[in-house]
Amino acid sequence: MTDKLFLFDDLISELSEDASPGHLDQLELFYENTEELFASMTSIITSSLVATTCASLRPELAPPAASSEPAGFLLNWPSMRCGLTSIIRSDQQGQCNSLAAVFPFIGDGVKHRCRLLETRLYANRLEAQLAAYIGEDEELALTFYDAHYLANRTIYQKDAAYHFVLRGFVYHLEITDGEFMEALFQRAELGADHYETAGLVRSVEEYDFAMPGQKFWLVKTLIARTSSAEEIEIDLLLTGKTLGKARLPKAGDCINALIWLQGHLWGPAES
């Protein structure tokens, strides 16, 4: 067994503790009082489900990680489809468990072919952002938070293509007037996986999110178009807390949005 975490360690960037972002901003999209959330984490964890991932469905793709890498597992609450994901650090025997991170998660989104360019490994070595070419034309490079990195970390190989399911969590959204044009800007000062996007709304559907107390919508949005006219769409999860008293966008509207881009591995792309 190789002692490398990946088969392309030269493409891994190890982030410092200061450069490894937390998830408080994303949790605040859903919770008015995150202190109450953290106070209830013990009961949340005990009622959570072990996450279903590509590695758990296709274990033959995921060799064991090197013994030098931290062990752990992913938990979903209150359902597999959406809610919160907790990252649990454990020792190699599955004991001495501790909470390493918690973030909002949905399993829905738009599936895209992605060719990996870089893995941005957090200081805790349990989380990562992935940089990849998105789409068949491989003209658009994006960085997204890999929600299942811990489970799938040994699957990734240099120059291989994969299917990832991508979605954006909306911090701010406004409907714009005027002529439509797709635009996408990385907001590196907020995080490598944060983007400001201008796009055309293709559809809006109310989303049955597992957390009660407010409404949620999936806003399918065209964010880019390649030179050969390949269209890149993603689903944006809009919370009632973020929408406030503003008008809900509809199909045909043009919007500007500030988003956190998240994804998870679906499986290897066909050769």
Foldseek 3Di string as FASTA:
>chain_A
DDQDLEQCVVQEAEDDQVQFDAAPLQVVLPDPDCVVVVVCVVVFVVQWDFADAPCNVPVVLADDHHLVAWAWGWTDPPDNAWDKIWTWTDHPVRPPIDTDGMHTDGQAKDKWKWAWRHWHAYPNNQWTKTWTQTHPVSPDIAIATAPHCNSCSHNDHHRFIFIKGKEWEFQAKDFDDDDADADKDQPPVVNRQKIKIKWFFAAKDWDPHPDDDWTKIWTWTFRDADPVGDTDIMTYIHICSRCPPPDDDGGGIIMITITGMYIYTPTTDDD
